[in-house]
Amino acid sequence: MNYGDFYQTKEKLENHLYCAGTIYDSFEALLEVLGKLELEQPLYLVYLAQKLFAQEVINTAYQNNKQIKLPFDSIKLNGKYHQSIN
């Protein structure tokens, strides 16, 4: 792998992370509004959607990390407070 490919991949990743972050922020704003309106069922459903979205982003990143060889090793978090993603 040459570093040109790495920088192109890095730029794509930054764009994807920006989009994912924007969507996550939208969930946060919606949760805040629904909480102030005291709409419990929609609030719960949006919370579940936010949690599933975050888990899907993490799972996709994990799967893609297995396919791409980076010029450095990934950081591995091990401990009782970190869950392994399978």
C-alpha atoms as a PDB file:
ATOM      1  CA  MET A   1       0.000   0.000   0.000  1.00  0.00           C
ATOM      2  CA  ASN A   2       1.328   3.433  -0.806  1.00  0.00           C
ATOM      3  CA  TYR A   3       0.676   6.464   1.347  1.00  0.00           C
ATOM      4  CA  GLY A   4      -1.340   8.180  -1.410  1.00  0.00           C
ATOM      5  CA  ASP A   5      -4.019   5.506  -0.964  1.00  0.00           C
ATOM      6  CA  PHE A   6      -3.872   6.005   2.783  1.00  0.00           C
ATOM      7  CA  TYR A   7      -4.508   9.745   2.502  1.00  0.00           C
ATOM      8  CA  GLN A   8      -7.405   9.205   0.081  1.00  0.00           C
ATOM      9  CA  THR A   9      -8.887   6.666   2.500  1.00  0.00           C
ATOM     10  CA  LYS A  10      -8.313   9.092   5.386  1.00  0.00           C
ATOM     11  CA  GLU A  11     -10.179  11.854   3.547  1.00  0.00           C
ATOM     12  CA  LYS A  12     -13.127   9.547   2.811  1.00  0.00           C
ATOM     13  CA  LEU A  13     -13.170   8.435   6.440  1.00  0.00           C
ATOM     14  CA  GLU A  14     -13.226  12.043   7.651  1.00  0.00           C
ATOM     15  CA  ASN A  15     -16.226  12.749   5.386  1.00  0.00           C
ATOM     16  CA  HIS A  16     -18.061   9.668   6.634  1.00  0.00           C
ATOM     17  CA  LEU A  17     -17.325  10.532  10.250  1.00  0.00           C
ATOM     18  CA  TYR A  18     -18.598  14.073   9.702  1.00  0.00           C
ATOM     19  CA  CYS A  19     -21.881  12.696   8.286  1.00  0.00           C
ATOM     20  CA  ALA A  20     -22.231  10.148  11.086  1.00  0.00           C
ATOM     21  CA  GLY A  21     -21.543  12.865  13.664  1.00  0.00           C
ATOM     22  CA  THR A  22     -24.152  15.143  12.114  1.00  0.00           C
ATOM     23  CA  ILE A  23     -26.763  12.382  12.222  1.00  0.00           C
ATOM     24  CA  TYR A  24     -25.874  11.597  15.839  1.00  0.00           C
ATOM     25  CA  ASP A  25     -26.195  15.298  16.739  1.00  0.00           C
ATOM     26  CA  SER A  26     -29.631  15.326  15.086  1.00  0.00           C
ATOM     27  CA  PHE A  27     -30.666  12.427  17.319  1.00  0.00           C
ATOM     28  CA  GLU A  28     -29.489  14.417  20.346  1.00  0.00           C
ATOM     29  CA  ALA A  29     -31.520  17.477  19.288  1.00  0.00           C
ATOM     30  CA  LEU A  30     -34.618  15.366  18.662  1.00  0.00           C
ATOM     31  CA  LEU A  31     -34.256  13.671  22.050  1.00  0.00           C
ATOM     32  CA  GLU A  32     -34.024  17.066  23.734  1.00  0.00           C
ATOM     33  CA  VAL A  33     -37.180  18.361  22.030  1.00  0.00           C
ATOM     34  CA  LEU A  34     -39.169  15.188  22.704  1.00  0.00           C
ATOM     35  CA  GLY A  35     -38.036  15.251  26.332  1.00  0.00           C
ATOM     36  CA  LYS A  36     -39.248  18.828  26.770  1.00  0.00           C
ATOM     37  CA  LEU A  37     -42.574  17.889  25.165  1.00  0.00           C
ATOM     38  CA  GLU A  38     -42.783  14.904  27.554  1.00  0.00           C
ATOM     39  CA  LEU A  39     -43.565  12.466  24.745  1.00  0.00           C
ATOM     40  CA  GLU A  40     -42.356   9.257  26.324  1.00  0.00           C
ATOM     41  CA  GLN A  41     -42.968   6.663  23.594  1.00  0.00           C
ATOM     42  CA  PRO A  42     -41.435   8.697  20.717  1.00  0.00           C
ATOM     43  CA  LEU A  43     -38.571   9.627  23.062  1.00  0.00           C
ATOM     44  CA  TYR A  44     -37.887   5.959  23.764  1.00  0.00           C
ATOM     45  CA  LEU A  45     -38.074   5.020  20.059  1.00  0.00           C
ATOM     46  CA  VAL A  46     -35.636   7.780  19.072  1.00  0.00           C
ATOM     47  CA  TYR A  47     -33.295   6.674  21.873  1.00  0.00           C
ATOM     48  CA  LEU A  48     -33.377   3.107  20.512  1.00  0.00           C
ATOM     49  CA  ALA A  49     -32.780   4.345  16.958  1.00  0.00           C
ATOM     50  CA  GLN A  50     -29.815   6.426  18.171  1.00  0.00           C
ATOM     51  CA  LYS A  51     -28.337   3.452  19.999  1.00  0.00           C
ATOM     52  CA  LEU A  52     -28.776   1.144  16.983  1.00  0.00           C
ATOM     53  CA  PHE A  53     -27.279   3.756  14.649  1.00  0.00           C
ATOM     54  CA  ALA A  54     -24.211   4.150  16.866  1.00  0.00           C
ATOM     55  CA  GLN A  55     -23.774   0.371  17.131  1.00  0.00           C
ATOM     56  CA  GLU A  56     -24.056  -0.030  13.349  1.00  0.00           C
ATOM     57  CA  VAL A  57     -21.429   2.679  12.765  1.00  0.00           C
ATOM     58  CA  ILE A  58     -19.082   0.964  15.225  1.00  0.00           C
ATOM     59  CA  ASN A  59     -19.669  -2.491  13.705  1.00  0.00           C
ATOM     60  CA  THR A  60     -19.110  -1.200  10.166  1.00  0.00           C
ATOM     61  CA  ALA A  61     -15.909   0.561  11.197  1.00  0.00           C
ATOM     62  CA  TYR A  62     -14.709  -2.611  12.898  1.00  0.00           C
ATOM     63  CA  GLN A  63     -15.427  -4.735   9.807  1.00  0.00           C
ATOM     64  CA  ASN A  64     -13.753  -2.212   7.490  1.00  0.00           C
ATOM     65  CA  ASN A  65     -10.722  -2.037   9.784  1.00  0.00           C
ATOM     66  CA  LYS A  66     -10.180  -5.764   9.203  1.00  0.00           C
ATOM     67  CA  GLN A  67     -10.072  -5.201   5.427  1.00  0.00           C
ATOM     68  CA  ILE A  68      -7.725  -2.175   5.306  1.00  0.00           C
ATOM     69  CA  LYS A  69      -4.074  -2.432   6.248  1.00  0.00           C
ATOM     70  CA  LEU A  70      -2.965   0.835   7.825  1.00  0.00           C
ATOM     71  CA  PRO A  71       0.683   1.878   8.164  1.00  0.00           C
ATOM     72  CA  PHE A  72       0.283   1.657  11.954  1.00  0.00           C
ATOM     73  CA  ASP A  73      -1.383  -0.729  14.412  1.00  0.00           C
ATOM     74  CA  SER A  74      -4.850  -0.054  15.784  1.00  0.00           C
ATOM     75  CA  ILE A  75      -5.275   0.727  19.452  1.00  0.00           C
ATOM     76  CA  LYS A  76      -6.790  -2.187  21.318  1.00  0.00           C
ATOM     77  CA  LEU A  77      -8.903  -1.476  24.389  1.00  0.00           C
ATOM     78  CA  ASN A  78      -9.078  -4.332  26.844  1.00  0.00           C
ATOM     79  CA  GLY A  79     -10.553  -4.246  30.267  1.00  0.00           C
ATOM     80  CA  LYS A  80     -13.718  -4.758  32.200  1.00  0.00           C
ATOM     81  CA  TYR A  81     -15.201  -1.458  30.961  1.00  0.00           C
ATOM     82  CA  HIS A  82     -14.641  -2.167  27.254  1.00  0.00           C
ATOM     83  CA  GLN A  83     -16.804  -4.643  25.384  1.00  0.00           C
ATOM     84  CA  SER A  84     -15.378  -6.565  22.486  1.00  0.00           C
ATOM     85  CA  ILE A  85     -17.262  -6.091  19.249  1.00  0.00           C
ATOM     86  CA  ASN A  86     -18.163  -9.309  17.436  1.00  0.00           C
END
